[in-house]
Amino acid sequence: MIKIFTVSLVILLSAATIAPNIAHASEPRLVGTFGDWRAFTFTENGKKVCYMASQPKTAVGNYTRRGDVFALITHRPAEKTRDVFSYITGYPYKENSEVTVSANSRTFKLFTQDETAWAVDAEADRAISAAIRGGSKMIVKGVSKRGTKTTDTFGLSGSGKAYQKITQECGL
């Protein structure tokens, strides 16, 4: 089950990595649960943010300790961004490593920083978001700072409805 507080912390930390001058954000509000995905909204610096999140059904790797893992798709209409895919892995990634995401017969490469991976541009974000909504499972592979390989498998049931909800909530 996705922990609302942890997800909000992850979103805020991810946003802080991208935009370090973020001042204030409200607690996320759950706006719906759709199969394997949940939809949330919160206010950041007076602007509405909407996101959907899921955790893996299986997480495989020879690790002794790992934090929470989340796949997220975020809309920030005030910044004119939507479909931003981010992946929080629960461990620091190997420096200069790539993560692969496979969904709906497509594979994408993400760049990494600390415990987060992102698509290279808005076009890739849109393609990943569409693949998630059109698929039945997603597999994410990465390598930790210590060289541990991980494979996380997500269910995509409800991702289309969760996406519709966050899009509606953000007025897009």
Protein backbone atom coordinates (compact mmCIF):
# COMPACT_ATOMS: atom_id res chain seq x y z
CA MET A 1 0.00 0.00 0.00
CA ILE A 2 1.32 3.45 -0.85
CA LYS A 3 1.99 5.56 2.18
CA ILE A 4 0.65 9.07 1.54
CA PHE A 5 3.27 10.76 3.69
CA THR A 6 6.13 8.90 2.02
CA VAL A 7 4.78 9.68 -1.44
CA SER A 8 4.45 13.37 -0.57
CA LEU A 9 7.98 13.42 0.76
CA VAL A 10 9.24 11.70 -2.39
CA ILE A 11 7.40 14.21 -4.63
CA LEU A 12 8.70 17.16 -2.65
CA LEU A 13 12.26 15.84 -2.65
CA SER A 14 12.06 15.13 -6.39
CA ALA A 15 10.77 18.63 -7.03
CA ALA A 16 13.47 20.10 -4.79
CA THR A 17 16.11 18.33 -6.86
CA ILE A 18 14.75 19.92 -10.03
CA ALA A 19 13.76 23.31 -8.56
CA PRO A 20 15.67 23.98 -5.32
CA ASN A 21 13.74 27.18 -4.49
CA ILE A 22 10.46 25.43 -3.61
CA ALA A 23 9.12 27.01 -0.45
CA HIS A 24 5.78 25.51 0.60
CA ALA A 25 3.66 22.50 -0.23
CA SER A 26 0.49 21.14 1.30
CA GLU A 27 -0.02 17.52 2.29
CA PRO A 28 -1.19 15.39 -0.64
CA ARG A 29 -4.87 14.54 -0.82
CA LEU A 30 -5.88 11.13 -2.17
CA VAL A 31 -8.46 11.67 -4.92
CA GLY A 32 -8.88 8.06 -5.98
CA THR A 33 -7.61 4.50 -5.98
CA PHE A 34 -7.70 2.73 -9.34
CA GLY A 35 -6.40 -0.83 -9.39
CA ASP A 36 -2.64 -0.71 -8.84
CA TRP A 37 -2.49 3.10 -8.92
CA ARG A 38 -3.54 5.99 -6.67
CA ALA A 39 -4.20 9.58 -7.68
CA PHE A 40 -3.25 12.57 -5.50
CA THR A 41 -3.26 16.36 -5.56
CA PHE A 42 -1.45 18.94 -3.47
CA THR A 43 -0.63 22.63 -3.59
CA GLU A 44 2.96 23.77 -4.11
CA ASN A 45 3.69 27.49 -3.78
CA GLY A 46 -0.01 28.19 -4.35
CA LYS A 47 -0.15 26.08 -7.53
CA LYS A 48 -1.98 22.77 -7.94
CA VAL A 49 0.04 19.62 -8.62
CA CYS A 50 -1.55 16.28 -9.53
CA TYR A 51 0.18 12.92 -9.62
CA MET A 52 -0.44 9.21 -9.77
CA ALA A 53 1.73 6.70 -7.99
CA SER A 54 2.26 2.98 -7.66
CA GLN A 55 4.62 0.58 -5.93
CA PRO A 56 6.02 -2.63 -7.39
CA LYS A 57 4.26 -5.95 -7.00
CA THR A 58 7.69 -7.61 -6.92
CA ALA A 59 11.13 -6.17 -6.19
CA VAL A 60 14.06 -8.48 -6.96
CA GLY A 61 17.70 -7.87 -6.10
CA ASN A 62 20.44 -9.06 -3.79
CA TYR A 63 20.22 -6.11 -1.39
CA THR A 64 20.10 -6.05 2.39
CA ARG A 65 18.25 -2.78 2.79
CA ARG A 66 16.13 -0.72 0.46
CA GLY A 67 13.74 2.18 0.97
CA ASP A 68 10.30 2.66 -0.54
CA VAL A 69 9.99 2.37 -4.32
CA PHE A 70 7.56 4.46 -6.40
CA ALA A 71 6.68 5.08 -10.03
CA LEU A 72 5.04 8.47 -10.53
CA ILE A 73 3.46 10.51 -13.30
CA THR A 74 3.05 14.18 -12.40
CA HIS A 75 1.20 17.17 -13.88
CA ARG A 76 2.22 20.71 -12.91
CA PRO A 77 -0.05 22.92 -15.04
CA ALA A 78 1.35 26.18 -13.63
CA GLU A 79 4.76 25.13 -15.00
CA LYS A 80 3.16 23.86 -18.22
CA THR A 81 4.40 20.33 -17.58
CA ARG A 82 2.42 17.11 -17.71
CA ASP A 83 3.11 13.40 -17.91
CA VAL A 84 6.44 13.79 -16.10
CA PHE A 85 7.59 10.28 -15.24
CA SER A 86 9.87 9.80 -12.27
CA TYR A 87 11.08 6.70 -10.52
CA ILE A 88 12.14 6.60 -6.90
CA THR A 89 14.20 3.47 -6.29
CA GLY A 90 14.85 3.34 -2.55
CA TYR A 91 18.65 3.36 -2.90
CA PRO A 92 21.28 5.65 -4.48
CA TYR A 93 21.91 4.77 -8.12
CA LYS A 94 25.33 3.98 -9.49
CA GLU A 95 26.83 7.24 -10.77
CA ASN A 96 26.21 7.87 -14.49
CA SER A 97 24.02 4.77 -14.75
CA GLU A 98 20.84 4.34 -16.74
CA VAL A 99 17.56 2.75 -15.77
CA THR A 100 15.41 0.85 -18.24
CA VAL A 101 11.63 0.93 -18.15
CA SER A 102 9.69 -1.59 -20.23
CA ALA A 103 5.92 -1.25 -20.68
CA ASN A 104 3.51 -2.15 -23.47
CA SER A 105 6.27 -3.68 -25.65
CA ARG A 106 8.39 -0.51 -25.45
CA THR A 107 11.64 0.11 -23.62
CA PHE A 108 12.87 3.50 -22.42
CA LYS A 109 16.13 4.67 -20.89
CA LEU A 110 16.13 7.05 -17.94
CA PHE A 111 18.95 9.11 -16.48
CA THR A 112 19.66 8.91 -12.75
CA GLN A 113 20.54 11.22 -9.90
CA ASP A 114 20.77 10.04 -6.31
CA GLU A 115 17.67 7.84 -5.73
CA THR A 116 15.61 9.13 -8.67
CA ALA A 117 15.45 8.42 -12.40
CA TRP A 118 13.77 10.57 -15.07
CA ALA A 119 13.05 10.51 -18.78
CA VAL A 120 15.38 12.60 -20.93
CA ASP A 121 12.71 14.99 -22.23
CA ALA A 122 8.98 15.77 -22.42
CA GLU A 123 8.53 13.59 -25.51
CA ALA A 124 9.91 10.56 -23.66
CA ASP A 125 7.71 11.41 -20.64
CA ARG A 126 4.61 11.38 -22.86
CA ALA A 127 5.65 8.09 -24.48
CA ILE A 128 6.27 6.41 -21.11
CA SER A 129 2.96 7.71 -19.76
CA ALA A 130 1.12 6.34 -22.82
CA ALA A 131 2.91 2.97 -22.56
CA ILE A 132 1.92 2.68 -18.90
CA ARG A 133 -1.71 3.46 -19.68
CA GLY A 134 -1.74 0.97 -22.55
CA GLY A 135 0.08 -1.92 -20.90
CA SER A 136 -0.57 -4.59 -18.30
CA LYS A 137 2.83 -4.60 -16.55
CA MET A 138 5.95 -2.47 -16.30
CA ILE A 139 9.45 -3.69 -15.51
CA VAL A 140 12.10 -1.29 -14.20
CA LYS A 141 15.77 -2.29 -13.99
CA GLY A 142 18.55 -0.35 -12.31
CA VAL A 143 21.91 -0.67 -10.56
CA SER A 144 22.69 0.67 -7.10
CA LYS A 145 25.75 2.65 -6.09
CA ARG A 146 27.13 -0.63 -4.68
CA GLY A 147 26.56 -2.48 -7.97
CA THR A 148 23.40 -4.35 -6.94
CA LYS A 149 21.09 -5.00 -9.89
CA THR A 150 17.37 -4.66 -9.22
CA THR A 151 14.28 -5.57 -11.20
CA ASP A 152 10.92 -4.15 -10.10
CA THR A 153 7.65 -5.29 -11.66
CA PHE A 154 4.52 -3.14 -11.51
CA GLY A 155 0.91 -3.89 -12.32
CA LEU A 156 -0.64 -1.29 -14.60
CA SER A 157 -4.28 -2.05 -13.80
CA GLY A 158 -6.14 1.22 -13.26
CA SER A 159 -3.37 3.41 -14.65
CA GLY A 160 -5.65 4.82 -17.36
CA LYS A 161 -8.33 5.80 -14.85
CA ALA A 162 -5.76 7.25 -12.44
CA TYR A 163 -4.36 9.30 -15.34
CA GLN A 164 -7.82 10.54 -16.25
CA LYS A 165 -8.39 11.57 -12.65
CA ILE A 166 -5.16 13.56 -12.28
CA THR A 167 -5.73 15.19 -15.67
CA GLN A 168 -9.26 16.19 -14.62
CA GLU A 169 -8.12 17.39 -11.19
CA CYS A 170 -5.47 19.63 -12.77
CA GLY A 171 -7.88 20.95 -15.41
CA LEU A 172 -5.90 19.63 -18.37
